[in-house]
Amino acid sequence: MMKRLLFTCTALFGFVVTSANANNFVANDDSVATALCMAVASDSIDTLRDTLTLTRVTKNTVTMKLRCNDNRVEDFAKKHDLSKTARLLGLSLETNTSIKDLANNAPKTIYISGSR
């Protein structure tokens, strides 16, 4: 049952997600945690909702317990400017002030793994 769920989730959302800032997010494995991190990285409300439904995980569990690339979901969303999924999870990206180098817009490939 769990393998079918992971396969469905992976097939539905793919292994590579490209966000609005042109970074490529690539899943390191096919765990539920990584699927949730990929859904957050998609910056798509529909994708995140569907993944939460398929995996039967609550938004509260994601915000309180899930770690993406050894970062809390809030920090992960801030780092990659994932405003849509952060808003759905009730996270605020407005709390920190930072300076971004706008000239450094080269797309990067970021490998994602979820907490174990």
C-alpha atoms as a PDB file:
ATOM      1  CA  MET A   1       0.000   0.000   0.000  1.00  0.00           C
ATOM      2  CA  MET A   2       2.743   2.467   0.967  1.00  0.00           C
ATOM      3  CA  LYS A   3       4.770   1.659  -2.151  1.00  0.00           C
ATOM      4  CA  ARG A   4       1.738   2.301  -4.332  1.00  0.00           C
ATOM      5  CA  LEU A   5       1.163   5.621  -2.551  1.00  0.00           C
ATOM      6  CA  LEU A   6       4.783   6.658  -3.062  1.00  0.00           C
ATOM      7  CA  PHE A   7       4.698   5.589  -6.704  1.00  0.00           C
ATOM      8  CA  THR A   8       1.474   7.517  -7.301  1.00  0.00           C
ATOM      9  CA  CYS A   9       2.824  10.585  -5.566  1.00  0.00           C
ATOM     10  CA  THR A  10       6.113  10.411  -7.443  1.00  0.00           C
ATOM     11  CA  ALA A  11       4.445   9.796 -10.794  1.00  0.00           C
ATOM     12  CA  LEU A  12       1.971  12.585 -10.216  1.00  0.00           C
ATOM     13  CA  PHE A  13       4.515  15.225  -9.316  1.00  0.00           C
ATOM     14  CA  GLY A  14       7.653  13.917 -10.981  1.00  0.00           C
ATOM     15  CA  PHE A  15      11.168  13.881  -9.670  1.00  0.00           C
ATOM     16  CA  VAL A  16      12.137  17.332 -10.889  1.00  0.00           C
ATOM     17  CA  VAL A  17      10.396  20.535  -9.892  1.00  0.00           C
ATOM     18  CA  THR A  18      11.253  23.947 -11.302  1.00  0.00           C
ATOM     19  CA  SER A  19      10.157  26.940  -9.269  1.00  0.00           C
ATOM     20  CA  ALA A  20       9.553  30.503 -10.407  1.00  0.00           C
ATOM     21  CA  ASN A  21      13.143  31.467  -9.645  1.00  0.00           C
ATOM     22  CA  ALA A  22      14.353  28.821 -12.152  1.00  0.00           C
ATOM     23  CA  ASN A  23      16.050  26.504  -9.656  1.00  0.00           C
ATOM     24  CA  ASN A  24      15.698  22.807 -10.417  1.00  0.00           C
ATOM     25  CA  PHE A  25      14.746  20.707  -7.415  1.00  0.00           C
ATOM     26  CA  VAL A  26      15.600  17.007  -7.729  1.00  0.00           C
ATOM     27  CA  ALA A  27      14.426  14.308  -5.307  1.00  0.00           C
ATOM     28  CA  ASN A  28      17.186  12.254  -3.697  1.00  0.00           C
ATOM     29  CA  ASP A  29      14.899   9.336  -2.848  1.00  0.00           C
ATOM     30  CA  ASP A  30      11.282   8.237  -3.002  1.00  0.00           C
ATOM     31  CA  SER A  31      10.364   8.647   0.679  1.00  0.00           C
ATOM     32  CA  VAL A  32       7.178  10.335   1.835  1.00  0.00           C
ATOM     33  CA  ALA A  33       9.213  13.092   3.490  1.00  0.00           C
ATOM     34  CA  THR A  34      11.033  13.841   0.236  1.00  0.00           C
ATOM     35  CA  ALA A  35       7.731  13.846  -1.675  1.00  0.00           C
ATOM     36  CA  LEU A  36       6.419  16.423   0.801  1.00  0.00           C
ATOM     37  CA  CYS A  37       9.581  18.519   0.447  1.00  0.00           C
ATOM     38  CA  MET A  38       9.258  18.358  -3.342  1.00  0.00           C
ATOM     39  CA  ALA A  39       5.652  19.525  -3.044  1.00  0.00           C
ATOM     40  CA  VAL A  40       6.783  22.471  -0.915  1.00  0.00           C
ATOM     41  CA  ALA A  41       9.559  23.203  -3.428  1.00  0.00           C
ATOM     42  CA  SER A  42       7.049  23.248  -6.292  1.00  0.00           C
ATOM     43  CA  ASP A  43       5.596  26.494  -4.870  1.00  0.00           C
ATOM     44  CA  SER A  44       2.217  25.298  -6.117  1.00  0.00           C
ATOM     45  CA  ILE A  45      -0.748  25.311  -3.761  1.00  0.00           C
ATOM     46  CA  ASP A  46      -2.528  22.563  -5.727  1.00  0.00           C
ATOM     47  CA  THR A  47       0.523  20.300  -5.753  1.00  0.00           C
ATOM     48  CA  LEU A  48       1.060  20.700  -2.023  1.00  0.00           C
ATOM     49  CA  ARG A  49      -2.618  20.091  -1.223  1.00  0.00           C
ATOM     50  CA  ASP A  50      -2.692  16.964  -3.392  1.00  0.00           C
ATOM     51  CA  THR A  51       0.490  15.609  -1.803  1.00  0.00           C
ATOM     52  CA  LEU A  52      -0.846  16.258   1.704  1.00  0.00           C
ATOM     53  CA  THR A  53      -4.034  14.405   0.795  1.00  0.00           C
ATOM     54  CA  LEU A  54      -2.213  11.471  -0.828  1.00  0.00           C
ATOM     55  CA  THR A  55       0.224  11.055   2.056  1.00  0.00           C
ATOM     56  CA  ARG A  56      -2.408  11.755   4.744  1.00  0.00           C
ATOM     57  CA  VAL A  57      -0.142  14.258   6.457  1.00  0.00           C
ATOM     58  CA  THR A  58      -1.475  17.448   8.047  1.00  0.00           C
ATOM     59  CA  LYS A  59      -0.159  20.945   7.426  1.00  0.00           C
ATOM     60  CA  ASN A  60       0.703  21.177  11.119  1.00  0.00           C
ATOM     61  CA  THR A  61       2.875  18.055  10.919  1.00  0.00           C
ATOM     62  CA  VAL A  62       4.699  19.477   7.914  1.00  0.00           C
ATOM     63  CA  THR A  63       5.418  22.806   9.600  1.00  0.00           C
ATOM     64  CA  MET A  64       6.365  21.335  12.980  1.00  0.00           C
ATOM     65  CA  LYS A  65       8.211  18.099  12.125  1.00  0.00           C
ATOM     66  CA  LEU A  66       9.295  17.930   8.487  1.00  0.00           C
ATOM     67  CA  ARG A  67      12.835  18.930   7.605  1.00  0.00           C
ATOM     68  CA  CYS A  68      13.921  19.543   4.019  1.00  0.00           C
ATOM     69  CA  ASN A  69      17.664  19.328   3.405  1.00  0.00           C
ATOM     70  CA  ASP A  70      18.191  19.475   7.197  1.00  0.00           C
ATOM     71  CA  ASN A  71      16.273  22.777   7.414  1.00  0.00           C
ATOM     72  CA  ARG A  72      12.907  23.456   8.974  1.00  0.00           C
ATOM     73  CA  VAL A  73      10.239  23.885   6.286  1.00  0.00           C
ATOM     74  CA  GLU A  74       9.945  27.582   7.157  1.00  0.00           C
ATOM     75  CA  ASP A  75      13.687  28.131   6.671  1.00  0.00           C
ATOM     76  CA  PHE A  76      13.662  26.064   3.465  1.00  0.00           C
ATOM     77  CA  ALA A  77      10.773  28.153   2.074  1.00  0.00           C
ATOM     78  CA  LYS A  78      12.512  31.408   3.011  1.00  0.00           C
ATOM     79  CA  LYS A  79      15.807  30.334   1.480  1.00  0.00           C
ATOM     80  CA  HIS A  80      14.197  29.468  -1.866  1.00  0.00           C
ATOM     81  CA  ASP A  81      11.460  32.145  -1.818  1.00  0.00           C
ATOM     82  CA  LEU A  82       8.575  29.670  -1.926  1.00  0.00           C
ATOM     83  CA  SER A  83       5.838  32.150  -1.027  1.00  0.00           C
ATOM     84  CA  LYS A  84       2.755  30.268  -2.274  1.00  0.00           C
ATOM     85  CA  THR A  85       3.380  27.049  -0.386  1.00  0.00           C
ATOM     86  CA  ALA A  86       4.547  29.005   2.666  1.00  0.00           C
ATOM     87  CA  ARG A  87       1.263  30.913   2.662  1.00  0.00           C
ATOM     88  CA  LEU A  88      -0.736  27.659   2.473  1.00  0.00           C
ATOM     89  CA  LEU A  89       1.224  26.266   5.423  1.00  0.00           C
ATOM     90  CA  GLY A  90       0.691  29.470   7.405  1.00  0.00           C
ATOM     91  CA  LEU A  91       4.367  30.432   7.358  1.00  0.00           C
ATOM     92  CA  SER A  92       5.520  34.015   7.156  1.00  0.00           C
ATOM     93  CA  LEU A  93       8.408  34.844   4.867  1.00  0.00           C
ATOM     94  CA  GLU A  94       8.376  38.497   5.891  1.00  0.00           C
ATOM     95  CA  THR A  95      10.126  38.166   9.259  1.00  0.00           C
ATOM     96  CA  ASN A  96      13.737  38.357   8.086  1.00  0.00           C
ATOM     97  CA  THR A  97      15.518  41.034   6.154  1.00  0.00           C
ATOM     98  CA  SER A  98      18.137  39.944   3.671  1.00  0.00           C
ATOM     99  CA  ILE A  99      20.011  41.214   0.666  1.00  0.00           C
ATOM    100  CA  LYS A 100      19.825  39.258  -2.581  1.00  0.00           C
ATOM    101  CA  ASP A 101      22.332  39.536  -5.361  1.00  0.00           C
ATOM    102  CA  LEU A 102      20.063  40.147  -8.346  1.00  0.00           C
ATOM    103  CA  ALA A 103      22.941  39.748 -10.772  1.00  0.00           C
ATOM    104  CA  ASN A 104      23.440  36.156  -9.613  1.00  0.00           C
ATOM    105  CA  ASN A 105      20.327  34.665 -11.232  1.00  0.00           C
ATOM    106  CA  ALA A 106      21.948  31.575 -12.701  1.00  0.00           C
ATOM    107  CA  PRO A 107      19.638  28.550 -12.291  1.00  0.00           C
ATOM    108  CA  LYS A 108      20.895  25.937  -9.865  1.00  0.00           C
ATOM    109  CA  THR A 109      20.110  22.287  -9.376  1.00  0.00           C
ATOM    110  CA  ILE A 110      19.167  21.604  -5.772  1.00  0.00           C
ATOM    111  CA  TYR A 111      18.891  18.022  -4.534  1.00  0.00           C
ATOM    112  CA  ILE A 112      16.180  17.530  -1.937  1.00  0.00           C
ATOM    113  CA  SER A 113      15.857  14.929   0.771  1.00  0.00           C
ATOM    114  CA  GLY A 114      13.281  14.843   3.506  1.00  0.00           C
ATOM    115  CA  SER A 115      13.728  14.024   7.163  1.00  0.00           C
ATOM    116  CA  ARG A 116      13.859  10.388   8.169  1.00  0.00           C
END
